[in-house]
PDB file of N, CA and C in Angstrom:
ATOM      1  N   MET A   1      -9.557 -20.798 -34.089  1.00  0.00           N
ATOM      2  CA  MET A   1      -8.606 -19.949 -33.494  1.00  0.00           C
ATOM      3  C   MET A   1      -8.180 -20.643 -32.991  1.00  0.00           C
ATOM      4  N   ALA A   2      -6.906 -20.056 -32.114  1.00  0.00           N
ATOM      5  CA  ALA A   2      -6.022 -20.799 -31.151  1.00  0.00           C
ATOM      6  C   ALA A   2      -6.810 -20.797 -30.218  1.00  0.00           C
ATOM      7  N   ARG A   3      -6.808 -21.959 -29.340  1.00  0.00           N
ATOM      8  CA  ARG A   3      -7.525 -22.057 -27.988  1.00  0.00           C
ATOM      9  C   ARG A   3      -6.168 -22.095 -27.220  1.00  0.00           C
ATOM     10  N   VAL A   4      -6.197 -21.172 -25.784  1.00  0.00           N
ATOM     11  CA  VAL A   4      -5.118 -21.406 -24.599  1.00  0.00           C
ATOM     12  C   VAL A   4      -5.680 -21.543 -23.459  1.00  0.00           C
ATOM     13  N   LYS A   5      -4.936 -21.995 -22.506  1.00  0.00           N
ATOM     14  CA  LYS A   5      -5.444 -21.949 -21.078  1.00  0.00           C
ATOM     15  C   LYS A   5      -4.651 -21.051 -20.609  1.00  0.00           C
ATOM     16  N   ALA A   6      -5.877 -20.945 -19.520  1.00  0.00           N
ATOM     17  CA  ALA A   6      -5.458 -19.818 -18.472  1.00  0.00           C
ATOM     18  C   ALA A   6      -5.743 -20.197 -17.054  1.00  0.00           C
ATOM     19  N   VAL A   7      -4.363 -19.273 -16.503  1.00  0.00           N
ATOM     20  CA  VAL A   7      -4.265 -19.944 -14.790  1.00  0.00           C
ATOM     21  C   VAL A   7      -4.135 -18.972 -14.502  1.00  0.00           C
ATOM     22  N   PHE A   8      -4.841 -18.515 -13.342  1.00  0.00           N
ATOM     23  CA  PHE A   8      -4.951 -17.283 -12.275  1.00  0.00           C
ATOM     24  C   PHE A   8      -5.469 -17.592 -10.859  1.00  0.00           C
ATOM     25  N   TYR A   9      -4.887 -16.925 -10.123  1.00  0.00           N
ATOM     26  CA  TYR A   9      -4.993 -16.735  -8.990  1.00  0.00           C
ATOM     27  C   TYR A   9      -5.977 -15.349  -8.150  1.00  0.00           C
ATOM     28  N   LEU A  10      -7.021 -16.040  -7.340  1.00  0.00           N
ATOM     29  CA  LEU A  10      -8.066 -14.947  -6.896  1.00  0.00           C
ATOM     30  C   LEU A  10      -7.812 -15.581  -4.920  1.00  0.00           C
ATOM     31  N   PRO A  11      -7.245 -14.223  -4.610  1.00  0.00           N
ATOM     32  CA  PRO A  11      -7.120 -14.580  -3.101  1.00  0.00           C
ATOM     33  C   PRO A  11      -8.004 -14.494  -2.136  1.00  0.00           C
ATOM     34  N   LEU A  12      -7.936 -15.123  -0.960  1.00  0.00           N
ATOM     35  CA  LEU A  12      -8.921 -16.056  -0.369  1.00  0.00           C
ATOM     36  C   LEU A  12      -9.172 -14.670   0.514  1.00  0.00           C
ATOM     37  N   ARG A  13      -8.332 -14.081   1.182  1.00  0.00           N
ATOM     38  CA  ARG A  13      -8.540 -12.655   1.864  1.00  0.00           C
ATOM     39  C   ARG A  13      -8.251 -11.290   1.158  1.00  0.00           C
ATOM     40  N   ASP A  14      -8.546 -10.406   1.178  1.00  0.00           N
ATOM     41  CA  ASP A  14      -8.258  -8.894   0.933  1.00  0.00           C
ATOM     42  C   ASP A  14      -7.062  -8.564   1.893  1.00  0.00           C
ATOM     43  N   ASN A  15      -6.126  -7.325   1.293  1.00  0.00           N
ATOM     44  CA  ASN A  15      -4.803  -7.256   2.361  1.00  0.00           C
ATOM     45  C   ASN A  15      -5.372  -6.774   3.790  1.00  0.00           C
ATOM     46  N   ALA A  16      -6.815  -6.031   4.109  1.00  0.00           N
ATOM     47  CA  ALA A  16      -7.270  -6.318   5.278  1.00  0.00           C
ATOM     48  C   ALA A  16      -7.737  -7.318   6.482  1.00  0.00           C
ATOM     49  N   GLY A  17      -7.804  -8.605   5.386  1.00  0.00           N
ATOM     50  CA  GLY A  17      -7.841  -9.586   6.245  1.00  0.00           C
ATOM     51  C   GLY A  17      -9.175 -10.035   6.055  1.00  0.00           C
ATOM     52  N   ARG A  18      -9.804  -9.063   4.757  1.00  0.00           N
ATOM     53  CA  ARG A  18     -11.637  -9.319   5.023  1.00  0.00           C
ATOM     54  C   ARG A  18     -11.786 -10.739   4.016  1.00  0.00           C
ATOM     55  N   ILE A  19     -12.427 -11.752   4.578  1.00  0.00           N
ATOM     56  CA  ILE A  19     -12.940 -12.783   3.671  1.00  0.00           C
ATOM     57  C   ILE A  19     -13.807 -12.516   2.169  1.00  0.00           C
ATOM     58  N   LEU A  20     -13.072 -12.830   1.007  1.00  0.00           N
ATOM     59  CA  LEU A  20     -13.146 -12.599  -0.591  1.00  0.00           C
ATOM     60  C   LEU A  20     -14.337 -13.620  -1.051  1.00  0.00           C
ATOM     61  N   ASP A  21     -15.346 -14.339  -0.259  1.00  0.00           N
ATOM     62  CA  ASP A  21     -15.634 -15.099  -0.700  1.00  0.00           C
ATOM     63  C   ASP A  21     -17.016 -14.583  -1.772  1.00  0.00           C
ATOM     64  N   LYS A  22     -17.624 -13.654  -1.744  1.00  0.00           N
ATOM     65  CA  LYS A  22     -18.978 -13.176  -2.107  1.00  0.00           C
ATOM     66  C   LYS A  22     -17.857 -12.729  -3.579  1.00  0.00           C
ATOM     67  N   GLU A  23     -16.980 -12.236  -3.365  1.00  0.00           N
ATOM     68  CA  GLU A  23     -16.220 -11.620  -4.818  1.00  0.00           C
ATOM     69  C   GLU A  23     -15.936 -12.846  -5.411  1.00  0.00           C
ATOM     70  N   THR A  24     -15.163 -14.066  -4.904  1.00  0.00           N
ATOM     71  CA  THR A  24     -14.991 -15.341  -5.647  1.00  0.00           C
ATOM     72  C   THR A  24     -16.017 -15.787  -6.225  1.00  0.00           C
ATOM     73  N   ASN A  25     -17.292 -16.245  -5.237  1.00  0.00           N
ATOM     74  CA  ASN A  25     -18.598 -16.181  -5.653  1.00  0.00           C
ATOM     75  C   ASN A  25     -19.215 -15.858  -7.466  1.00  0.00           C
ATOM     76  N   GLU A  26     -18.930 -14.196  -7.241  1.00  0.00           N
ATOM     77  CA  GLU A  26     -19.211 -13.442  -8.457  1.00  0.00           C
ATOM     78  C   GLU A  26     -18.401 -14.028  -9.748  1.00  0.00           C
ATOM     79  N   ALA A  27     -17.244 -14.035  -9.346  1.00  0.00           N
ATOM     80  CA  ALA A  27     -16.248 -14.162 -10.496  1.00  0.00           C
ATOM     81  C   ALA A  27     -16.325 -15.800 -11.101  1.00  0.00           C
ATOM     82  N   GLU A  28     -16.632 -16.941 -10.684  1.00  0.00           N
ATOM     83  CA  GLU A  28     -16.891 -18.122 -10.526  1.00  0.00           C
ATOM     84  C   GLU A  28     -18.160 -18.345 -11.797  1.00  0.00           C
ATOM     85  N   MET A  29     -19.158 -17.355 -11.138  1.00  0.00           N
ATOM     86  CA  MET A  29     -20.098 -17.730 -11.779  1.00  0.00           C
ATOM     87  C   MET A  29     -20.276 -16.487 -13.343  1.00  0.00           C
ATOM     88  N   GLU A  30     -19.116 -15.678 -13.073  1.00  0.00           N
ATOM     89  CA  GLU A  30     -19.029 -14.850 -14.564  1.00  0.00           C
ATOM     90  C   GLU A  30     -18.184 -15.629 -15.662  1.00  0.00           C
ATOM     91  N   LEU A  31     -17.809 -16.369 -14.806  1.00  0.00           N
ATOM     92  CA  LEU A  31     -16.537 -17.279 -15.459  1.00  0.00           C
ATOM     93  C   LEU A  31     -16.751 -18.401 -16.307  1.00  0.00           C
ATOM     94  N   PHE A  32     -18.523 -18.967 -15.224  1.00  0.00           N
ATOM     95  CA  PHE A  32     -18.786 -20.140 -16.196  1.00  0.00           C
ATOM     96  C   PHE A  32     -19.775 -19.409 -17.275  1.00  0.00           C
ATOM     97  N   VAL A  33     -20.502 -18.514 -17.094  1.00  0.00           N
ATOM     98  CA  VAL A  33     -21.114 -17.922 -17.836  1.00  0.00           C
ATOM     99  C   VAL A  33     -20.567 -17.253 -19.504  1.00  0.00           C
ATOM    100  N   ARG A  34     -19.435 -16.758 -19.221  1.00  0.00           N
ATOM    101  CA  ARG A  34     -18.608 -16.586 -20.352  1.00  0.00           C
ATOM    102  C   ARG A  34     -17.967 -17.453 -21.080  1.00  0.00           C
ATOM    103  N   PHE A  35     -17.439 -18.314 -20.368  1.00  0.00           N
ATOM    104  CA  PHE A  35     -16.869 -19.167 -21.303  1.00  0.00           C
ATOM    105  C   PHE A  35     -17.113 -21.059 -20.708  1.00  0.00           C
ATOM    106  N   VAL A  36     -18.481 -21.484 -20.107  1.00  0.00           N
ATOM    107  CA  VAL A  36     -18.997 -22.523 -19.984  1.00  0.00           C
ATOM    108  C   VAL A  36     -18.298 -23.265 -18.973  1.00  0.00           C
ATOM    109  N   GLY A  37     -17.394 -22.712 -17.855  1.00  0.00           N
ATOM    110  CA  GLY A  37     -17.089 -23.329 -17.105  1.00  0.00           C
ATOM    111  C   GLY A  37     -15.179 -23.011 -16.958  1.00  0.00           C
ATOM    112  N   TRP A  38     -14.896 -23.580 -15.316  1.00  0.00           N
ATOM    113  CA  TRP A  38     -13.752 -23.170 -15.104  1.00  0.00           C
ATOM    114  C   TRP A  38     -13.369 -24.650 -14.175  1.00  0.00           C
ATOM    115  N   THR A  39     -12.065 -24.573 -13.980  1.00  0.00           N
ATOM    116  CA  THR A  39     -11.852 -25.399 -13.262  1.00  0.00           C
ATOM    117  C   THR A  39     -10.990 -25.240 -12.313  1.00  0.00           C
ATOM    118  N   PHE A  40     -10.508 -26.315 -10.717  1.00  0.00           N
ATOM    119  CA  PHE A  40     -10.413 -25.442  -9.548  1.00  0.00           C
ATOM    120  C   PHE A  40      -9.287 -25.921  -9.259  1.00  0.00           C
ATOM    121  N   LEU A  41      -7.603 -25.822  -9.756  1.00  0.00           N
ATOM    122  CA  LEU A  41      -6.699 -26.107  -9.569  1.00  0.00           C
ATOM    123  C   LEU A  41      -6.552 -27.060  -7.511  1.00  0.00           C
ATOM    124  N   GLY A  42      -6.927 -25.867  -6.791  1.00  0.00           N
ATOM    125  CA  GLY A  42      -6.291 -25.709  -5.250  1.00  0.00           C
ATOM    126  C   GLY A  42      -5.846 -24.826  -4.582  1.00  0.00           C
ATOM    127  N   TYR A  43      -4.879 -24.752  -3.618  1.00  0.00           N
ATOM    128  CA  TYR A  43      -4.857 -23.388  -3.060  1.00  0.00           C
ATOM    129  C   TYR A  43      -3.385 -23.328  -2.848  1.00  0.00           C
ATOM    130  N   VAL A  44      -2.988 -22.000  -3.455  1.00  0.00           N
ATOM    131  CA  VAL A  44      -1.631 -22.133  -3.518  1.00  0.00           C
ATOM    132  C   VAL A  44      -1.604 -20.696  -2.587  1.00  0.00           C
ATOM    133  N   LYS A  45       0.062 -20.454  -2.629  1.00  0.00           N
ATOM    134  CA  LYS A  45       0.287 -19.350  -1.083  1.00  0.00           C
ATOM    135  C   LYS A  45       1.394 -18.425  -1.581  1.00  0.00           C
ATOM    136  N   GLY A  46       1.226 -17.563  -2.088  1.00  0.00           N
ATOM    137  CA  GLY A  46       2.748 -16.496  -2.199  1.00  0.00           C
ATOM    138  C   GLY A  46       2.625 -15.064  -1.459  1.00  0.00           C
ATOM    139  N   ILE A  47       4.104 -14.511  -1.950  1.00  0.00           N
ATOM    140  CA  ILE A  47       4.366 -13.393  -1.518  1.00  0.00           C
ATOM    141  C   ILE A  47       4.520 -12.396  -2.692  1.00  0.00           C
ATOM    142  N   TYR A  48       4.431 -10.962  -2.775  1.00  0.00           N
ATOM    143  CA  TYR A  48       3.698 -10.373  -3.318  1.00  0.00           C
ATOM    144  C   TYR A  48       4.531  -8.720  -2.843  1.00  0.00           C
ATOM    145  N   ARG A  49       5.505  -7.914  -3.454  1.00  0.00           N
ATOM    146  CA  ARG A  49       5.735  -6.752  -2.870  1.00  0.00           C
ATOM    147  C   ARG A  49       4.929  -5.705  -3.619  1.00  0.00           C
ATOM    148  N   MET A  50       4.294  -4.805  -2.412  1.00  0.00           N
ATOM    149  CA  MET A  50       3.383  -4.302  -3.248  1.00  0.00           C
ATOM    150  C   MET A  50       4.118  -2.891  -3.318  1.00  0.00           C
ATOM    151  N   ALA A  51       2.987  -2.116  -3.843  1.00  0.00           N
ATOM    152  CA  ALA A  51       4.077  -0.939  -4.564  1.00  0.00           C
ATOM    153  C   ALA A  51       4.658   0.076  -3.487  1.00  0.00           C
ATOM    154  N   ASP A  52       4.200   0.163  -2.659  1.00  0.00           N
ATOM    155  CA  ASP A  52       4.924   0.798  -1.593  1.00  0.00           C
ATOM    156  C   ASP A  52       6.097   0.039  -0.500  1.00  0.00           C
ATOM    157  N   GLY A  53       6.343  -1.148  -1.520  1.00  0.00           N
ATOM    158  CA  GLY A  53       7.918  -1.633  -0.779  1.00  0.00           C
ATOM    159  C   GLY A  53       7.245  -2.792   0.140  1.00  0.00           C
ATOM    160  N   SER A  54       6.191  -2.767   0.931  1.00  0.00           N
ATOM    161  CA  SER A  54       5.227  -3.824   1.645  1.00  0.00           C
ATOM    162  C   SER A  54       5.501  -4.837   0.864  1.00  0.00           C
ATOM    163  N   GLN A  55       5.774  -6.340   1.873  1.00  0.00           N
ATOM    164  CA  GLN A  55       5.045  -7.422   1.431  1.00  0.00           C
ATOM    165  C   GLN A  55       3.779  -8.081   1.809  1.00  0.00           C
ATOM    166  N   ALA A  56       3.077  -8.318   0.472  1.00  0.00           N
ATOM    167  CA  ALA A  56       1.626  -8.977   0.960  1.00  0.00           C
ATOM    168  C   ALA A  56       1.935 -10.733   0.774  1.00  0.00           C
ATOM    169  N   LEU A  57       1.494 -11.087   1.952  1.00  0.00           N
ATOM    170  CA  LEU A  57       1.434 -12.806   1.846  1.00  0.00           C
ATOM    171  C   LEU A  57       0.344 -12.944   1.352  1.00  0.00           C
ATOM    172  N   ASP A  58      -0.069 -14.096   0.417  1.00  0.00           N
ATOM    173  CA  ASP A  58      -2.068 -14.612  -0.086  1.00  0.00           C
ATOM    174  C   ASP A  58      -1.516 -16.119   0.233  1.00  0.00           C
ATOM    175  N   GLU A  59      -2.850 -16.356   0.125  1.00  0.00           N
ATOM    176  CA  GLU A  59      -3.512 -17.629   0.117  1.00  0.00           C
ATOM    177  C   GLU A  59      -4.517 -17.316  -0.967  1.00  0.00           C
ATOM    178  N   SER A  60      -4.591 -18.340  -1.858  1.00  0.00           N
ATOM    179  CA  SER A  60      -5.516 -18.277  -3.036  1.00  0.00           C
ATOM    180  C   SER A  60      -5.808 -19.340  -3.576  1.00  0.00           C
ATOM    181  N   LYS A  61      -7.313 -19.022  -4.823  1.00  0.00           N
ATOM    182  CA  LYS A  61      -7.399 -20.399  -5.016  1.00  0.00           C
ATOM    183  C   LYS A  61      -6.796 -20.242  -6.005  1.00  0.00           C
ATOM    184  N   ALA A  62      -6.522 -21.006  -7.264  1.00  0.00           N
ATOM    185  CA  ALA A  62      -5.809 -21.211  -8.447  1.00  0.00           C
ATOM    186  C   ALA A  62      -7.279 -21.826  -9.158  1.00  0.00           C
ATOM    187  N   TYR A  63      -7.337 -21.123 -10.447  1.00  0.00           N
ATOM    188  CA  TYR A  63      -7.725 -21.610 -11.366  1.00  0.00           C
ATOM    189  C   TYR A  63      -7.441 -22.098 -12.684  1.00  0.00           C
ATOM    190  N   SER A  64      -8.186 -22.661 -13.558  1.00  0.00           N
ATOM    191  CA  SER A  64      -7.795 -22.896 -14.750  1.00  0.00           C
ATOM    192  C   SER A  64      -9.045 -22.483 -15.945  1.00  0.00           C
ATOM    193  N   VAL A  65      -8.719 -21.996 -17.007  1.00  0.00           N
ATOM    194  CA  VAL A  65     -10.180 -21.804 -17.954  1.00  0.00           C
ATOM    195  C   VAL A  65      -9.702 -22.042 -19.801  1.00  0.00           C
ATOM    196  N   SER A  66     -10.267 -23.009 -20.090  1.00  0.00           N
ATOM    197  CA  SER A  66      -9.746 -22.983 -21.445  1.00  0.00           C
ATOM    198  C   SER A  66     -10.883 -22.081 -22.385  1.00  0.00           C
ATOM    199  N   LEU A  67     -10.167 -21.149 -23.457  1.00  0.00           N
ATOM    200  CA  LEU A  67     -10.984 -20.578 -23.963  1.00  0.00           C
ATOM    201  C   LEU A  67     -10.012 -19.789 -25.155  1.00  0.00           C
ATOM    202  N   ASP A  68     -10.579 -19.177 -26.425  1.00  0.00           N
ATOM    203  CA  ASP A  68     -10.276 -18.688 -27.316  1.00  0.00           C
ATOM    204  C   ASP A  68      -9.128 -17.442 -27.177  1.00  0.00           C
ATOM    205  N   GLU A  69      -8.477 -17.539 -28.114  1.00  0.00           N
ATOM    206  CA  GLU A  69      -7.247 -16.800 -27.328  1.00  0.00           C
ATOM    207  C   GLU A  69      -8.039 -15.416 -28.037  1.00  0.00           C
ATOM    208  N   SER A  70      -8.996 -15.174 -29.023  1.00  0.00           N
ATOM    209  CA  SER A  70      -9.780 -13.411 -28.646  1.00  0.00           C
ATOM    210  C   SER A  70     -10.421 -12.946 -27.934  1.00  0.00           C
ATOM    211  N   ARG A  71      -9.972 -14.184 -26.481  1.00  0.00           N
ATOM    212  CA  ARG A  71     -11.416 -13.901 -25.328  1.00  0.00           C
ATOM    213  C   ARG A  71     -10.900 -13.702 -24.623  1.00  0.00           C
ATOM    214  N   ILE A  72      -8.999 -12.843 -24.310  1.00  0.00           N
ATOM    215  CA  ILE A  72      -8.398 -12.904 -23.185  1.00  0.00           C
ATOM    216  C   ILE A  72      -8.639 -11.727 -22.867  1.00  0.00           C
ATOM    217  N   ASP A  73      -9.124 -10.571 -23.567  1.00  0.00           N
ATOM    218  CA  ASP A  73      -9.497  -9.540 -22.997  1.00  0.00           C
ATOM    219  C   ASP A  73     -10.853  -9.512 -22.212  1.00  0.00           C
ATOM    220  N   GLU A  74     -12.007 -10.861 -22.580  1.00  0.00           N
ATOM    221  CA  GLU A  74     -12.852 -10.832 -21.657  1.00  0.00           C
ATOM    222  C   GLU A  74     -12.203 -11.072 -20.227  1.00  0.00           C
ATOM    223  N   LEU A  75     -11.712 -12.220 -20.316  1.00  0.00           N
ATOM    224  CA  LEU A  75     -10.967 -12.945 -19.311  1.00  0.00           C
ATOM    225  C   LEU A  75     -10.407 -11.669 -18.012  1.00  0.00           C
ATOM    226  N   GLU A  76      -9.576 -11.119 -18.507  1.00  0.00           N
ATOM    227  CA  GLU A  76      -8.920  -9.897 -17.989  1.00  0.00           C
ATOM    228  C   GLU A  76     -10.161  -9.283 -17.050  1.00  0.00           C
ATOM    229  N   GLN A  77     -10.997  -8.706 -17.633  1.00  0.00           N
ATOM    230  CA  GLN A  77     -12.390  -7.624 -17.755  1.00  0.00           C
ATOM    231  C   GLN A  77     -12.945  -8.806 -16.203  1.00  0.00           C
ATOM    232  N   VAL A  78     -13.091  -9.678 -16.100  1.00  0.00           N
ATOM    233  CA  VAL A  78     -13.896 -10.277 -15.193  1.00  0.00           C
ATOM    234  C   VAL A  78     -12.924 -10.458 -13.949  1.00  0.00           C
ATOM    235  N   LEU A  79     -11.562 -10.878 -13.960  1.00  0.00           N
ATOM    236  CA  LEU A  79     -10.561 -10.994 -13.602  1.00  0.00           C
ATOM    237  C   LEU A  79      -9.807  -9.189 -12.613  1.00  0.00           C
ATOM    238  N   ARG A  80     -10.205  -8.009 -13.687  1.00  0.00           N
ATOM    239  CA  ARG A  80      -9.976  -6.643 -13.318  1.00  0.00           C
ATOM    240  C   ARG A  80     -11.225  -6.251 -12.462  1.00  0.00           C
ATOM    241  N   THR A  81     -12.249  -6.645 -12.537  1.00  0.00           N
ATOM    242  CA  THR A  81     -13.808  -6.910 -11.684  1.00  0.00           C
ATOM    243  C   THR A  81     -13.188  -7.131 -10.615  1.00  0.00           C
ATOM    244  N   PHE A  82     -12.966  -8.725 -10.064  1.00  0.00           N
ATOM    245  CA  PHE A  82     -13.017  -8.938  -8.651  1.00  0.00           C
ATOM    246  C   PHE A  82     -12.096  -7.774  -8.393  1.00  0.00           C
ATOM    247  N   LYS A  83     -10.554  -7.922  -9.221  1.00  0.00           N
ATOM    248  CA  LYS A  83      -9.076  -6.848  -8.354  1.00  0.00           C
ATOM    249  C   LYS A  83     -10.160  -5.933  -7.966  1.00  0.00           C
ATOM    250  N   ILE A  84     -11.142  -4.994  -8.196  1.00  0.00           N
ATOM    251  CA  ILE A  84     -11.288  -3.689  -8.315  1.00  0.00           C
ATOM    252  C   ILE A  84     -12.604  -4.244  -6.599  1.00  0.00           C
ATOM    253  N   GLN A  85     -13.797  -5.446  -6.600  1.00  0.00           N
ATOM    254  CA  GLN A  85     -14.164  -5.577  -5.287  1.00  0.00           C
ATOM    255  C   GLN A  85     -13.189  -6.006  -4.701  1.00  0.00           C
ATOM    256  N   ALA A  86     -11.916  -6.499  -4.768  1.00  0.00           N
ATOM    257  CA  ALA A  86     -11.539  -6.939  -3.507  1.00  0.00           C
ATOM    258  C   ALA A  86     -10.783  -6.204  -3.309  1.00  0.00           C
ATOM    259  N   SER A  87     -10.252  -5.109  -3.741  1.00  0.00           N
ATOM    260  CA  SER A  87      -9.366  -3.970  -3.115  1.00  0.00           C
ATOM    261  C   SER A  87      -7.519  -4.690  -3.214  1.00  0.00           C
ATOM    262  N   GLN A  88      -7.676  -5.430  -4.660  1.00  0.00           N
ATOM    263  CA  GLN A  88      -6.455  -5.975  -4.793  1.00  0.00           C
ATOM    264  C   GLN A  88      -5.403  -5.122  -5.442  1.00  0.00           C
ATOM    265  N   GLU A  89      -3.744  -4.916  -5.241  1.00  0.00           N
ATOM    266  CA  GLU A  89      -3.293  -4.322  -6.221  1.00  0.00           C
ATOM    267  C   GLU A  89      -2.842  -5.172  -7.723  1.00  0.00           C
ATOM    268  N   THR A  90      -2.905  -6.213  -7.631  1.00  0.00           N
ATOM    269  CA  THR A  90      -2.866  -7.480  -8.925  1.00  0.00           C
ATOM    270  C   THR A  90      -3.307  -8.366  -8.711  1.00  0.00           C
ATOM    271  N   ILE A  91      -3.577  -8.908 -10.033  1.00  0.00           N
ATOM    272  CA  ILE A  91      -4.214 -10.257  -9.696  1.00  0.00           C
ATOM    273  C   ILE A  91      -3.150 -11.647 -10.399  1.00  0.00           C
ATOM    274  N   TYR A  92      -2.648 -12.271 -10.200  1.00  0.00           N
ATOM    275  CA  TYR A  92      -1.838 -13.289 -11.296  1.00  0.00           C
ATOM    276  C   TYR A  92      -2.687 -14.039 -12.054  1.00  0.00           C
ATOM    277  N   LEU A  93      -2.501 -13.624 -13.338  1.00  0.00           N
ATOM    278  CA  LEU A  93      -2.946 -14.378 -14.831  1.00  0.00           C
ATOM    279  C   LEU A  93      -1.576 -15.012 -15.605  1.00  0.00           C
ATOM    280  N   GLU A  94      -1.798 -16.173 -15.994  1.00  0.00           N
ATOM    281  CA  GLU A  94      -0.913 -16.677 -17.087  1.00  0.00           C
ATOM    282  C   GLU A  94      -1.329 -17.201 -17.798  1.00  0.00           C
ATOM    283  N   ILE A  95      -1.018 -17.031 -19.092  1.00  0.00           N
ATOM    284  CA  ILE A  95      -1.981 -17.387 -20.186  1.00  0.00           C
ATOM    285  C   ILE A  95      -0.261 -18.538 -21.208  1.00  0.00           C
ATOM    286  N   GLN A  96      -1.319 -19.766 -21.085  1.00  0.00           N
ATOM    287  CA  GLN A  96      -0.253 -21.037 -21.923  1.00  0.00           C
ATOM    288  C   GLN A  96      -0.813 -21.059 -23.049  1.00  0.00           C
ATOM    289  N   ARG A  97      -0.011 -20.462 -24.091  1.00  0.00           N
ATOM    290  CA  ARG A  97      -0.357 -20.735 -26.028  1.00  0.00           C
ATOM    291  C   ARG A  97       0.381 -22.104 -26.171  1.00  0.00           C
ATOM    292  N   ASN A  98      -0.695 -22.921 -27.949  1.00  0.00           N
ATOM    293  CA  ASN A  98       0.054 -23.777 -28.047  1.00  0.00           C
ATOM    294  C   ASN A  98      -0.736 -25.208 -27.008  1.00  0.00           C
ATOM    295  N   VAL A  99      -1.436 -24.875 -26.354  1.00  0.00           N
ATOM    296  CA  VAL A  99      -1.994 -26.122 -25.606  1.00  0.00           C
ATOM    297  C   VAL A  99      -3.031 -26.134 -25.969  1.00  0.00           C
ATOM    298  N   GLU A 100      -2.920 -27.916 -26.353  1.00  0.00           N
ATOM    299  CA  GLU A 100      -4.183 -28.486 -26.764  1.00  0.00           C
ATOM    300  C   GLU A 100      -5.284 -28.996 -26.096  1.00  0.00           C
ATOM    301  N   VAL A 101      -6.324 -28.809 -26.336  1.00  0.00           N
ATOM    302  CA  VAL A 101      -7.417 -29.009 -24.936  1.00  0.00           C
ATOM    303  C   VAL A 101      -8.258 -29.807 -25.907  1.00  0.00           C
ATOM    304  N   ARG A 102      -9.066 -30.719 -25.071  1.00  0.00           N
ATOM    305  CA  ARG A 102      -9.924 -31.124 -25.603  1.00  0.00           C
ATOM    306  C   ARG A 102     -11.211 -32.000 -24.325  1.00  0.00           C
ATOM    307  N   PHE A 103     -12.258 -31.831 -25.052  1.00  0.00           N
ATOM    308  CA  PHE A 103     -13.925 -32.292 -24.185  1.00  0.00           C
ATOM    309  C   PHE A 103     -13.883 -33.354 -24.480  1.00  0.00           C
ATOM    310  N   ILE A 104     -14.085 -34.361 -23.746  1.00  0.00           N
ATOM    311  CA  ILE A 104     -13.985 -36.120 -25.210  1.00  0.00           C
ATOM    312  C   ILE A 104     -15.120 -36.568 -23.391  1.00  0.00           C
TER     313      ILE A 104
END
């Protein structure tokens, strides 16, 4: 089966300014349990237009996970759970196909 690399962002705070450490720690643990690991890529900052037209400026932690392509739905479920717990409108997820990953 083909492996993919997934890159995603988990915001540090929700739109009301609440710190999301608890939700982030839970997501990190679930990623470890399901996918045997994750990589923290650093902090990113970006702006997003909300459904109501307002703008949200987020500072987020960027992560990557290597997984079998057939398990993308599992990753999406972890991110959906975080999204609900963190009261987020969306979570950024990028799937990179045709990536060769080796653990040496």
